[in-house]
C-alpha atoms as a PDB file:
ATOM      1  CA  MET A   1      -0.170   0.355   0.352  1.00  0.00           C
ATOM      2  CA  GLU A   2       1.207   3.489  -1.011  1.00  0.00           C
ATOM      3  CA  GLU A   3       1.809   6.105   1.880  1.00  0.00           C
ATOM      4  CA  ILE A   4       0.914   9.746   0.915  1.00  0.00           C
ATOM      5  CA  LYS A   5       2.078  12.349   3.069  1.00  0.00           C
ATOM      6  CA  GLU A   6       0.891  16.292   3.630  1.00  0.00           C
ATOM      7  CA  GLY A   7       3.032  18.895   4.555  1.00  0.00           C
ATOM      8  CA  PHE A   8       5.266  21.404   3.594  1.00  0.00           C
ATOM      9  CA  PRO A   9       8.310  19.736   1.034  1.00  0.00           C
ATOM     10  CA  GLU A  10      11.005  20.875   3.190  1.00  0.00           C
ATOM     11  CA  THR A  11       9.285  18.690   6.025  1.00  0.00           C
ATOM     12  CA  ILE A  12       8.360  15.956   3.663  1.00  0.00           C
ATOM     13  CA  PHE A  13      11.687  15.520   1.955  1.00  0.00           C
ATOM     14  CA  SER A  14      13.348  15.788   5.366  1.00  0.00           C
ATOM     15  CA  ASP A  15      12.330  11.913   6.335  1.00  0.00           C
ATOM     16  CA  LYS A  16      14.783   9.659   5.430  1.00  0.00           C
ATOM     17  CA  ASN A  17      12.576   6.956   5.120  1.00  0.00           C
ATOM     18  CA  LEU A  18      10.510   8.461   2.260  1.00  0.00           C
ATOM     19  CA  TYR A  19      13.463   7.323  -0.130  1.00  0.00           C
ATOM     20  CA  THR A  20      13.352   4.133  -2.140  1.00  0.00           C
ATOM     21  CA  LYS A  21      14.990   3.288  -5.487  1.00  0.00           C
ATOM     22  CA  ASP A  22      11.730   4.846  -6.974  1.00  0.00           C
ATOM     23  CA  LEU A  23      11.867   7.807  -5.446  1.00  0.00           C
ATOM     24  CA  ARG A  24      14.937  10.093  -4.523  1.00  0.00           C
ATOM     25  CA  LYS A  25      15.264  13.745  -3.179  1.00  0.00           C
ATOM     26  CA  PRO A  26      14.595  16.532  -5.532  1.00  0.00           C
ATOM     27  CA  ILE A  27      18.013  17.452  -7.257  1.00  0.00           C
ATOM     28  CA  ILE A  28      17.245  21.235  -6.128  1.00  0.00           C
ATOM     29  CA  LEU A  29      17.373  19.923  -2.419  1.00  0.00           C
ATOM     30  CA  GLU A  30      20.280  17.468  -2.858  1.00  0.00           C
ATOM     31  CA  LEU A  31      22.017  20.566  -3.650  1.00  0.00           C
ATOM     32  CA  TYR A  32      21.215  22.748  -1.549  1.00  0.00           C
ATOM     33  CA  GLU A  33      22.153  20.297   1.341  1.00  0.00           C
ATOM     34  CA  ILE A  34      25.873  19.918  -0.246  1.00  0.00           C
ATOM     35  CA  LEU A  35      26.024  23.812  -0.381  1.00  0.00           C
ATOM     36  CA  LYS A  36      24.837  24.254   3.333  1.00  0.00           C
ATOM     37  CA  GLU A  37      27.341  21.332   4.841  1.00  0.00           C
ATOM     38  CA  LYS A  38      30.209  23.083   2.821  1.00  0.00           C
ATOM     39  CA  GLY A  39      28.973  26.585   4.365  1.00  0.00           C
ATOM     40  CA  ILE A  40      28.269  28.079   0.993  1.00  0.00           C
ATOM     41  CA  VAL A  41      24.581  28.325   2.080  1.00  0.00           C
ATOM     42  CA  LYS A  42      23.795  29.529   5.802  1.00  0.00           C
ATOM     43  CA  LYS A  43      20.165  29.979   5.611  1.00  0.00           C
ATOM     44  CA  ASN A  44      17.948  26.912   6.949  1.00  0.00           C
ATOM     45  CA  LYS A  45      14.587  27.080   5.106  1.00  0.00           C
ATOM     46  CA  ALA A  46      15.414  24.732   1.975  1.00  0.00           C
ATOM     47  CA  PRO A  47      14.671  26.679  -1.475  1.00  0.00           C
ATOM     48  CA  ARG A  48      11.674  24.776  -3.710  1.00  0.00           C
ATOM     49  CA  ASN A  49      12.876  26.224  -7.008  1.00  0.00           C
ATOM     50  CA  VAL A  50      16.252  27.416  -8.997  1.00  0.00           C
ATOM     51  CA  GLY A  51      15.494  31.220  -8.202  1.00  0.00           C
ATOM     52  CA  GLU A  52      15.009  30.687  -4.232  1.00  0.00           C
ATOM     53  CA  LEU A  53      18.432  28.676  -4.671  1.00  0.00           C
ATOM     54  CA  ARG A  54      20.184  31.382  -6.542  1.00  0.00           C
ATOM     55  CA  LYS A  55      19.520  33.931  -4.070  1.00  0.00           C
ATOM     56  CA  LEU A  56      20.304  32.255  -1.263  1.00  0.00           C
ATOM     57  CA  ILE A  57      24.298  31.784  -3.112  1.00  0.00           C
ATOM     58  CA  GLU A  58      24.035  35.308  -3.978  1.00  0.00           C
END
């Protein structure tokens, strides 16, 4: 049976048990996490699109 989740994207996609071989984390979120680990991005709110990610980097 499929599980349906509701809520904000950053909350849903932070659930590590959500990912399987058929469902992957959005690439924007993966890139954001890498940039955050390297100290390039300091904000805690994950971007929802490329435009938001660009603003965090600038």
